[in-house]
Amino acid sequence: MATAMVRNMDMATTMPTRTDLSRSGFSGFLAVVLVGATLTISALPRLVSEFLLMPGNDTVDAIGKRQVDYSRTDLEAVLESRQQARRWADRGRISTDIGLAEILLARGTDAETQTAMFASAVGNISHGLALAPMNAYAWARLAYAEWRQTGVSQRVADYLAMSMYTGPLEINLFPIRIDLAFRHFSLLARGDQIRVLDSLRRFFPNFPEQVAASAVRANALPIARIALLRKPKRLKQFNAAVAKYQKQSASGN
C-alpha cells in the first residue's frame, strides 16, 4: 500500500496541471502571434512598394508592347511612382523602370539635359540588372542608353548580346536590337552575329520599313542582304523598302 501511495504521488508530480496547460497554450499562442507579426512587418515594405507602383504600371506595360498612346505626364508618373516605391523596397524592376522613364523623357530636351538623363538611366538600369539580371528588355535599354551616351563601343555590344541571350525571341525588342546590331555587328562575337542574322530572318516580315531604315543609317545593307539571301521574296521586299526610304530621305520627308 505504501508503494502504491508513492506511485500515486509520483504521478501527481509529473502530470501537468490545468495551470501548466494554460501557460503552455498561451506560450504557443504568443509564439504564433509573434511569428505572424514578424512576417507581416517584413512584408510591409514590399506591399507598400507594390501599392506605390500602381500609377505607372499601365504606362510601363504599354511601352513594353510598343504602344505609343502615352504622354510625357504618364512618363513622369512612372518616374515618380518608381522613385517613391524604391524607398520602401529596392528591387531590380523598379530601378530598370526608372531608367526606362528617363530614356523616354530625354526625348525633345536640350543636349545637356539629354546627356544627364542618359547617364542617370545607365546608372539606374545597371543597378536594377545587378539585382535581377535576367531581363532582356532592361539589357536592350541599357545598350541604347549607353550608345546614346558614348556612341559605338564594345560595352554596348556586350549589353546587346546579353539582351539577345536572355530573351532571344522577344519580338517587341527586335527594332531596337536590330538597329544597335547593325551599328555594332563587327564588335559582336560570332555566335551573337548568328543570332542577329537569325532574328532578322525571323522578324523581318513584321518590321520591313524599320529594318530598311536602320540598315541604311548604319551602312549595313550587305549584312541585311546576306541574312535574307535565301529568302528571295523577303530580299525583294527589303530592297523595295530601302529604295523607298532612300527616296524619302533625298526629298527631305
Protein backbone atom coordinates (compact mmCIF):
# COMPACT_ATOMS: atom_id res chain seq x y z
CA MET A 1 0.00 0.00 0.00
CA ALA A 2 2.86 2.31 0.80
CA THR A 3 4.31 1.51 -2.58
CA ALA A 4 1.02 2.42 -4.29
CA MET A 5 0.89 5.73 -2.45
CA VAL A 6 4.40 6.55 -3.59
CA ARG A 7 3.46 5.78 -7.19
CA ASN A 8 0.39 7.99 -6.97
CA MET A 9 2.49 10.79 -5.57
CA ASP A 10 5.00 10.41 -8.40
CA MET A 11 2.21 10.60 -10.99
CA ALA A 12 0.78 13.63 -9.33
CA THR A 13 4.08 15.41 -9.50
CA THR A 14 4.70 14.52 -13.15
CA MET A 15 1.23 15.07 -14.64
CA PRO A 16 0.64 18.64 -15.92
CA THR A 17 -1.86 20.68 -14.02
CA ARG A 18 -4.58 22.84 -15.60
CA THR A 19 -2.43 25.88 -14.85
CA ASP A 20 0.53 24.29 -16.64
CA LEU A 21 -1.65 23.56 -19.68
CA SER A 22 -2.97 27.11 -19.72
CA ARG A 23 0.53 28.52 -19.60
CA SER A 24 1.69 26.18 -22.36
CA GLY A 25 -1.25 27.09 -24.58
CA PHE A 26 -0.69 30.79 -24.03
CA SER A 27 3.02 30.42 -24.85
CA GLY A 28 2.15 28.64 -28.09
CA PHE A 29 -0.41 31.28 -29.00
CA LEU A 30 2.07 34.03 -28.22
CA ALA A 31 4.70 32.36 -30.43
CA VAL A 32 2.23 32.17 -33.34
CA VAL A 33 1.31 35.83 -32.88
CA LEU A 34 4.94 36.88 -32.80
CA VAL A 35 5.77 34.89 -35.94
CA GLY A 36 2.76 36.33 -37.73
CA ALA A 37 3.65 39.86 -36.69
CA THR A 38 7.24 39.37 -37.85
CA LEU A 39 6.12 38.10 -41.24
CA THR A 40 3.65 40.97 -41.62
CA ILE A 41 6.25 43.57 -40.71
CA SER A 42 8.82 42.05 -43.07
CA ALA A 43 6.29 42.01 -45.93
CA LEU A 44 5.05 45.54 -45.30
CA PRO A 45 7.73 47.37 -47.33
CA ARG A 46 7.04 45.20 -50.37
CA LEU A 47 3.28 45.69 -50.04
CA VAL A 48 3.67 49.46 -49.78
CA SER A 49 6.06 49.39 -52.72
CA GLU A 50 3.57 47.48 -54.87
CA PHE A 51 0.86 49.98 -53.99
CA LEU A 52 3.06 52.93 -54.92
CA LEU A 53 3.92 51.37 -58.29
CA MET A 54 0.30 51.28 -59.42
CA PRO A 55 0.05 54.77 -61.01
CA GLY A 56 2.71 53.92 -63.59
CA ASN A 57 2.01 50.24 -64.28
CA ASP A 58 -0.27 50.72 -67.29
CA THR A 59 2.22 53.03 -68.99
CA VAL A 60 5.12 50.62 -68.46
CA ASP A 61 3.04 47.77 -69.90
CA ALA A 62 2.11 49.91 -72.93
CA ILE A 63 5.77 50.75 -73.58
CA GLY A 64 6.73 47.08 -73.39
CA LYS A 65 4.11 46.30 -76.05
CA ARG A 66 5.43 49.12 -78.28
CA GLN A 67 2.23 51.12 -77.87
CA VAL A 68 2.60 54.87 -78.22
CA ASP A 69 -0.53 56.15 -76.55
CA TYR A 70 1.21 57.67 -73.52
CA SER A 71 2.15 61.25 -72.73
CA ARG A 72 5.01 62.98 -71.03
CA THR A 73 2.79 63.28 -67.97
CA ASP A 74 2.40 59.49 -67.98
CA LEU A 75 6.19 59.06 -68.11
CA GLU A 76 6.63 61.49 -65.23
CA ALA A 77 4.11 59.42 -63.25
CA VAL A 78 6.19 56.30 -63.96
CA LEU A 79 9.34 58.04 -62.78
CA GLU A 80 7.77 59.47 -59.61
CA SER A 81 5.95 56.25 -58.65
CA ARG A 82 9.12 54.17 -59.04
CA GLN A 83 11.26 56.61 -57.10
CA GLN A 84 8.78 56.51 -54.21
CA ALA A 85 8.45 52.73 -54.35
CA ARG A 86 12.22 52.23 -54.26
CA ARG A 87 12.37 53.98 -50.90
CA TRP A 88 10.38 51.07 -49.49
CA ALA A 89 11.79 48.14 -51.46
CA ASP A 90 14.84 48.20 -53.71
CA ARG A 91 14.01 45.65 -56.40
CA GLY A 92 15.56 45.25 -59.81
CA ARG A 93 12.46 46.00 -61.89
CA ILE A 94 11.85 49.28 -60.06
CA SER A 95 15.27 50.66 -60.96
CA THR A 96 15.09 49.48 -64.57
CA ASP A 97 11.69 51.16 -64.92
CA ILE A 98 13.21 54.40 -63.64
CA GLY A 99 15.89 54.13 -66.32
CA LEU A 100 13.25 53.48 -68.98
CA ALA A 101 11.31 56.60 -67.98
CA GLU A 102 14.50 58.65 -68.06
CA ILE A 103 15.35 57.43 -71.57
CA LEU A 104 11.94 58.40 -72.91
CA LEU A 105 11.79 61.70 -71.02
CA ALA A 106 15.15 62.68 -72.53
CA ARG A 107 13.49 63.00 -75.93
CA GLY A 108 12.93 66.55 -77.02
CA THR A 109 15.22 68.05 -74.39
CA ASP A 110 18.42 70.01 -74.93
CA ALA A 111 21.77 68.27 -75.34
CA GLU A 112 22.93 68.92 -71.78
CA THR A 113 19.71 67.54 -70.29
CA GLN A 114 19.84 64.50 -72.54
CA THR A 115 23.40 63.73 -71.50
CA ALA A 116 22.45 63.90 -67.84
CA MET A 117 19.32 61.80 -68.25
CA PHE A 118 21.03 59.08 -70.29
CA ALA A 119 23.82 58.92 -67.72
CA SER A 120 21.25 58.56 -64.95
CA ALA A 121 19.40 55.91 -66.96
CA VAL A 122 22.60 53.90 -67.38
CA GLY A 123 23.19 54.02 -63.64
CA ASN A 124 19.63 53.06 -62.70
CA ILE A 125 19.30 50.22 -65.21
CA SER A 126 22.74 48.86 -64.25
CA HIS A 127 21.67 48.88 -60.60
CA GLY A 128 18.44 47.09 -61.45
CA LEU A 129 20.21 44.44 -63.51
CA ALA A 130 22.64 43.80 -60.67
CA LEU A 131 19.60 42.77 -58.60
CA ALA A 132 17.69 40.95 -61.38
CA PRO A 133 19.92 40.18 -64.38
CA MET A 134 17.54 38.01 -66.46
CA ASN A 135 15.72 40.94 -68.04
CA ALA A 136 16.10 41.15 -71.82
CA TYR A 137 14.22 44.45 -72.03
CA ALA A 138 16.46 46.11 -69.47
CA TRP A 139 19.64 44.90 -71.23
CA ALA A 140 18.39 46.32 -74.54
CA ARG A 141 17.52 49.64 -72.93
CA LEU A 142 20.87 49.76 -71.20
CA ALA A 143 22.59 49.18 -74.55
CA TYR A 144 20.57 52.00 -76.10
CA ALA A 145 21.25 54.46 -73.26
CA GLU A 146 24.96 53.63 -73.29
CA TRP A 147 25.07 54.10 -77.07
CA ARG A 148 23.36 57.48 -76.81
CA GLN A 149 25.89 58.46 -74.18
CA THR A 150 29.15 57.13 -75.65
CA GLY A 151 28.46 56.09 -79.26
CA VAL A 152 29.55 52.77 -80.75
CA SER A 153 31.52 50.76 -78.21
CA GLN A 154 32.31 47.24 -77.06
CA ARG A 155 30.30 47.84 -73.93
CA VAL A 156 27.15 48.49 -75.97
CA ALA A 157 27.81 45.33 -77.98
CA ASP A 158 28.15 43.33 -74.76
CA TYR A 159 24.88 44.71 -73.36
CA LEU A 160 23.15 43.92 -76.64
CA ALA A 161 24.49 40.36 -76.54
CA MET A 162 23.07 39.94 -73.03
CA SER A 163 19.67 41.09 -74.24
CA MET A 164 19.69 38.52 -77.03
CA TYR A 165 20.87 35.82 -74.63
CA THR A 166 18.18 36.48 -72.00
CA GLY A 167 15.31 36.94 -74.46
CA PRO A 168 16.14 35.75 -77.99
CA LEU A 169 12.53 35.62 -79.21
CA GLU A 170 11.21 38.91 -77.81
CA ILE A 171 9.63 40.38 -80.93
CA ASN A 172 8.93 43.75 -79.28
CA LEU A 173 12.68 44.22 -78.77
CA PHE A 174 13.58 43.46 -82.36
CA PRO A 175 13.51 47.06 -83.74
CA ILE A 176 15.87 48.50 -81.12
CA ARG A 177 18.12 45.44 -81.14
CA ILE A 178 18.50 45.27 -84.92
CA ASP A 179 19.28 48.98 -85.06
CA LEU A 180 22.04 48.58 -82.47
CA ALA A 181 23.20 45.29 -84.01
CA PHE A 182 23.73 46.87 -87.43
CA ARG A 183 25.91 49.54 -85.79
CA HIS A 184 27.88 47.08 -83.65
CA PHE A 185 27.96 43.97 -85.86
CA SER A 186 31.75 43.84 -86.12
CA LEU A 187 32.06 44.07 -82.32
CA LEU A 188 29.77 41.12 -81.66
CA ALA A 189 31.10 37.60 -81.14
CA ARG A 190 30.48 35.15 -83.96
CA GLY A 191 27.69 33.42 -82.08
CA ASP A 192 25.95 36.73 -81.43
CA GLN A 193 26.28 37.68 -85.10
CA ILE A 194 24.50 34.47 -86.00
CA ARG A 195 21.72 35.34 -83.52
CA VAL A 196 21.32 38.72 -85.21
CA LEU A 197 21.03 37.16 -88.67
CA ASP A 198 18.56 34.54 -87.39
CA SER A 199 16.39 37.18 -85.75
CA LEU A 200 16.48 39.26 -88.92
CA ARG A 201 15.21 36.34 -91.00
CA ARG A 202 12.54 35.57 -88.40
CA PHE A 203 11.17 39.05 -87.71
CA PHE A 204 11.82 40.99 -90.92
CA PRO A 205 8.25 40.49 -92.25
CA ASN A 206 6.93 42.28 -89.16
CA PHE A 207 9.22 45.31 -89.50
CA PRO A 208 10.34 45.74 -93.15
CA GLU A 209 10.47 49.54 -93.10
CA GLN A 210 12.25 49.75 -89.75
CA VAL A 211 14.86 47.21 -90.88
CA ALA A 212 15.46 49.10 -94.13
CA ALA A 213 15.83 52.45 -92.35
CA SER A 214 18.20 51.01 -89.73
CA ALA A 215 20.33 49.26 -92.35
CA VAL A 216 20.69 52.43 -94.42
CA ARG A 217 21.53 54.63 -91.42
CA ALA A 218 24.16 52.15 -90.20
CA ASN A 219 25.63 51.42 -93.66
CA ALA A 220 24.70 47.79 -93.04
CA LEU A 221 22.88 46.88 -96.26
CA PRO A 222 25.23 43.93 -97.01
CA ILE A 223 24.53 42.41 -93.59
CA ALA A 224 20.77 42.52 -94.11
CA ARG A 225 21.05 41.16 -97.65
CA ILE A 226 23.23 38.26 -96.52
CA ALA A 227 20.64 37.36 -93.90
CA LEU A 228 17.82 37.42 -96.46
CA LEU A 229 19.75 35.85 -99.34
CA ARG A 230 17.93 32.53 -99.05
CA LYS A 231 14.55 34.26 -98.82
CA PRO A 232 14.11 35.80 -102.31
CA LYS A 233 10.69 37.31 -101.62
CA ARG A 234 11.86 38.92 -98.41
CA LEU A 235 15.04 40.15 -100.05
CA LYS A 236 12.95 41.74 -102.80
CA GLN A 237 10.72 43.33 -100.15
CA PHE A 238 13.78 44.61 -98.31
CA ASN A 239 15.28 46.18 -101.45
CA ALA A 240 11.97 47.89 -102.19
CA ALA A 241 11.79 49.24 -98.64
CA VAL A 242 15.37 50.52 -98.91
CA ALA A 243 14.63 52.29 -102.19
CA LYS A 244 11.54 53.88 -100.66
CA TYR A 245 13.45 55.06 -97.57
CA GLN A 246 16.31 56.48 -99.65
CA LYS A 247 13.87 58.33 -101.89
CA GLN A 248 12.07 59.81 -98.88
CA SER A 249 15.36 60.82 -97.31
CA ALA A 250 16.53 62.50 -100.51
CA SER A 251 13.31 64.50 -100.72
CA GLY A 252 13.58 65.50 -97.06
CA ASN A 253 10.44 63.65 -95.95
